[in-house]
C-alpha cells in the first residue's frame, strides 16, 4: 500500500510542478500539438453529475447509492492511474467523487486533487472548500479531531453532532478556505437536530 501511495503522491507532485513551472502554458506537454487546448473530461462531468444526483432525494437509499459510489470511485482511480485527469475541473470533479469514498486514503487523495485544482484554476473557492472538507473527513476517519469543522457524525440512530474540532485553524482561515465560521457550524448542528 505504501508504494501505491508514494506513486500517487509522486504523480501529484509531477502534475503540480509541471504546471507551476509554466503557469501561462494552458497546453499539456503530453498533447501532440502545441496548439491543442486541454478540455474537461465529459466522463468525469457525467460521473460527478450522477454522484450529486444520487444525493438529491431527502431520503437516500444507501443500499443503491453505495455500490454506485464504489463504481464511480473505481473509475476515477482508473482515469487517474491512466493520466486521464487534465484540467482544474477534472481534478475538482474527481475530488468530489473521492470525498464519497470509504477509506482515509480516498479523502487524502481528494484533498490533494483539490490542491491541484486550485493550482490549475484561478480564484477557485469551490476547490478550496472541498479541500477543507476532504481534510476534515480524512482526519475524522483516522480518529483525529477535524480542523475546519465541516464534518458531522451520529452514533447509531442518535442525533448528528459536530465531530470534534481541534485547535489551530482560525475563522479567518476558514473564510479563506470557503467554509463557515465554527459558531455557524455549531448552529448548523442544532438546526440539523430540530424536531419537525
Protein backbone atom coordinates (compact mmCIF):
# COMPACT_ATOMS: atom_id res chain seq x y z
CA UNK A 1 0.00 0.00 0.00
CA UNK A 2 2.85 2.40 0.78
CA UNK A 3 4.30 2.01 -2.74
CA UNK A 4 0.90 2.84 -4.25
CA UNK A 5 0.57 5.92 -2.02
CA UNK A 6 4.09 7.02 -2.97
CA UNK A 7 3.23 6.55 -6.64
CA UNK A 8 0.05 8.63 -6.27
CA UNK A 9 1.91 11.34 -4.37
CA UNK A 10 4.68 11.34 -6.97
CA UNK A 11 2.13 11.77 -9.76
CA UNK A 12 0.55 14.69 -7.92
CA UNK A 13 3.92 16.36 -7.38
CA UNK A 14 4.74 15.93 -11.07
CA UNK A 15 1.35 17.37 -12.03
CA UNK A 16 1.82 20.33 -9.71
CA UNK A 17 5.44 21.05 -10.62
CA UNK A 18 4.74 20.76 -14.33
CA UNK A 19 2.04 23.38 -14.04
CA UNK A 20 3.89 25.65 -11.63
CA UNK A 21 6.96 25.83 -13.86
CA UNK A 22 4.87 27.11 -16.74
CA UNK A 23 1.64 28.65 -15.40
CA UNK A 24 0.99 30.59 -18.59
CA UNK A 25 1.07 27.38 -20.58
CA UNK A 26 -2.50 26.10 -20.91
CA UNK A 27 -1.37 23.26 -23.16
CA UNK A 28 -0.36 19.88 -21.82
CA UNK A 29 3.16 18.75 -22.62
CA UNK A 30 1.58 15.39 -23.44
CA UNK A 31 -0.55 16.68 -26.30
CA UNK A 32 0.56 16.14 -29.85
CA UNK A 33 0.13 19.74 -30.93
CA UNK A 34 1.34 22.82 -29.06
CA UNK A 35 -1.91 24.49 -30.14
CA UNK A 36 -4.11 21.81 -28.56
CA UNK A 37 -6.01 23.14 -25.55
CA UNK A 38 -6.96 20.81 -22.76
CA UNK A 39 -10.66 20.07 -22.48
CA UNK A 40 -12.63 18.94 -19.46
CA UNK A 41 -13.41 15.24 -19.39
CA UNK A 42 -17.05 14.63 -20.30
CA UNK A 43 -16.89 11.30 -18.48
CA UNK A 44 -15.80 12.96 -15.22
CA UNK A 45 -18.55 15.56 -15.62
CA UNK A 46 -21.09 12.76 -16.05
CA UNK A 47 -19.73 10.85 -13.04
CA UNK A 48 -19.89 13.99 -10.87
CA UNK A 49 -23.46 14.73 -12.05
CA UNK A 50 -24.52 11.15 -11.22
CA UNK A 51 -22.83 11.41 -7.80
CA UNK A 52 -24.70 14.61 -6.98
CA UNK A 53 -27.97 13.29 -8.45
CA UNK A 54 -27.82 10.34 -6.07
CA UNK A 55 -27.80 12.81 -3.18
CA UNK A 56 -30.84 14.89 -4.20
CA UNK A 57 -33.66 12.89 -2.56
CA UNK A 58 -34.47 13.75 1.06
CA UNK A 59 -34.25 10.05 1.91
CA UNK A 60 -31.29 8.34 0.25
CA UNK A 61 -31.37 4.59 -0.29
CA UNK A 62 -27.77 3.80 0.61
CA UNK A 63 -28.18 0.17 -0.48
CA UNK A 64 -28.49 1.59 -4.02
CA UNK A 65 -26.15 4.60 -3.78
CA UNK A 66 -23.18 2.91 -2.07
CA UNK A 67 -22.49 0.45 -4.94
CA UNK A 68 -22.77 3.36 -7.41
CA UNK A 69 -20.33 5.39 -5.30
CA UNK A 70 -17.87 2.49 -5.32
CA UNK A 71 -18.12 2.09 -9.11
CA UNK A 72 -17.55 5.83 -9.64
CA UNK A 73 -14.62 5.76 -7.22
CA UNK A 74 -13.04 2.84 -9.09
CA UNK A 75 -13.44 4.64 -12.40
CA UNK A 76 -11.90 7.88 -11.11
CA UNK A 77 -8.90 5.94 -9.82
CA UNK A 78 -8.56 4.18 -13.19
CA UNK A 79 -8.63 7.51 -15.02
CA UNK A 80 -6.09 8.98 -12.60
CA UNK A 81 -3.74 5.99 -12.99
CA UNK A 82 -4.00 6.37 -16.80
CA UNK A 83 -3.19 10.12 -16.62
CA UNK A 84 -6.77 10.92 -17.62
CA UNK A 85 -7.19 14.00 -15.40
CA UNK A 86 -6.02 17.21 -17.07
CA UNK A 87 -7.99 20.31 -16.11
CA UNK A 88 -8.91 22.01 -12.85
CA UNK A 89 -12.48 20.77 -13.39
CA UNK A 90 -11.27 17.19 -13.89
CA UNK A 91 -9.42 17.27 -10.57
CA UNK A 92 -12.27 19.03 -8.72
CA UNK A 93 -14.90 16.61 -10.03
CA UNK A 94 -12.70 13.63 -9.18
CA UNK A 95 -12.14 15.03 -5.68
CA UNK A 96 -15.88 15.24 -5.08
CA UNK A 97 -16.27 11.57 -6.02
CA UNK A 98 -13.30 10.59 -3.82
CA UNK A 99 -14.87 12.58 -0.98
CA UNK A 100 -17.67 10.00 -1.06
CA UNK A 101 -15.22 7.09 -0.73
CA UNK A 102 -14.83 4.95 2.36
CA UNK A 103 -11.10 4.87 3.15
CA UNK A 104 -8.94 7.62 4.64
CA UNK A 105 -6.70 7.35 1.56
CA UNK A 106 -9.67 8.38 -0.61
CA UNK A 107 -10.19 11.55 1.43
CA UNK A 108 -6.49 12.38 1.43
CA UNK A 109 -6.31 11.98 -2.34
CA UNK A 110 -9.44 14.15 -2.66
CA UNK A 111 -7.64 16.84 -0.67
CA UNK A 112 -4.58 16.56 -2.93
CA UNK A 113 -6.76 16.74 -6.05
CA UNK A 114 -8.29 19.95 -4.69
CA UNK A 115 -4.84 21.45 -4.28
CA UNK A 116 -4.07 20.58 -7.91
CA UNK A 117 -7.42 22.07 -8.99
CA UNK A 118 -6.62 25.28 -7.11
CA UNK A 119 -3.21 25.48 -8.81
CA UNK A 120 -4.71 24.85 -12.24
CA UNK A 121 -7.73 27.09 -11.68
CA UNK A 122 -7.99 30.73 -10.78
CA UNK A 123 -9.70 32.03 -7.65
CA UNK A 124 -11.22 28.60 -7.10
CA UNK A 125 -13.22 28.72 -3.85
CA UNK A 126 -15.11 25.52 -4.72
CA UNK A 127 -11.86 23.55 -4.68
CA UNK A 128 -10.67 25.37 -1.55
CA UNK A 129 -13.79 24.45 0.44
CA UNK A 130 -13.73 20.88 -0.88
CA UNK A 131 -10.06 20.64 0.22
CA UNK A 132 -11.11 21.63 3.76
CA UNK A 133 -13.99 19.10 3.71
CA UNK A 134 -11.71 16.31 2.46
CA UNK A 135 -9.05 17.09 5.08
CA UNK A 136 -11.65 17.05 7.87
CA UNK A 137 -13.15 13.79 6.62
CA UNK A 138 -9.69 12.22 6.41
CA UNK A 139 -8.86 13.28 9.98
CA UNK A 140 -12.23 12.09 11.29
CA UNK A 141 -11.76 8.69 9.66
CA UNK A 142 -8.36 8.16 11.25
CA UNK A 143 -9.73 9.12 14.67
CA UNK A 144 -8.22 12.60 14.92
CA UNK A 145 -10.05 15.90 15.50
CA UNK A 146 -11.03 17.77 12.37
CA UNK A 147 -9.57 21.22 11.72
CA UNK A 148 -12.23 23.21 9.84
CA UNK A 149 -15.44 21.98 11.48
CA UNK A 150 -17.18 20.62 8.39
CA UNK A 151 -18.00 17.06 9.46
CA UNK A 152 -20.93 15.75 11.48
CA UNK A 153 -21.44 12.22 12.76
CA UNK A 154 -24.09 10.34 14.66
CA UNK A 155 -23.73 7.36 16.97
CA UNK A 156 -26.19 4.73 15.79
CA UNK A 157 -29.60 6.34 15.42
CA UNK A 158 -28.59 9.26 17.65
CA UNK A 159 -28.55 12.91 16.63
CA UNK A 160 -25.94 14.33 14.28
CA UNK A 161 -23.16 16.02 16.20
CA UNK A 162 -20.31 18.22 15.04
CA UNK A 163 -17.30 15.91 15.10
CA UNK A 164 -14.52 17.04 17.49
CA UNK A 165 -12.69 20.12 16.23
CA UNK A 166 -9.04 20.63 17.16
CA UNK A 167 -7.19 23.88 17.67
CA UNK A 168 -5.01 25.54 15.07
CA UNK A 169 -7.48 26.85 12.49
CA UNK A 170 -8.98 30.31 12.85
CA UNK A 171 -12.27 31.54 11.46
CA UNK A 172 -10.23 33.73 9.11
CA UNK A 173 -8.56 30.64 7.64
CA UNK A 174 -11.99 29.02 7.43
CA UNK A 175 -13.22 32.06 5.49
CA UNK A 176 -10.24 31.90 3.12
CA UNK A 177 -10.95 28.20 2.53
CA UNK A 178 -14.62 28.92 1.81
CA UNK A 179 -16.11 27.26 4.90
CA UNK A 180 -18.30 28.86 7.59
CA UNK A 181 -17.03 30.02 10.99
CA UNK A 182 -17.06 27.47 13.79
CA UNK A 183 -20.02 29.16 15.52
CA UNK A 184 -22.05 28.73 12.33
CA UNK A 185 -21.12 25.03 12.19
CA UNK A 186 -22.35 24.65 15.78
CA UNK A 187 -25.59 26.45 14.92
CA UNK A 188 -25.97 24.12 11.93
CA UNK A 189 -25.69 21.15 14.32
CA UNK A 190 -28.66 22.49 16.29
CA UNK A 191 -30.61 23.07 13.06
CA UNK A 192 -29.92 19.52 11.85
CA UNK A 193 -31.36 18.07 15.04
CA UNK A 194 -34.54 20.15 15.34
CA UNK A 195 -37.64 18.02 15.62
CA UNK A 196 -40.10 18.67 12.79
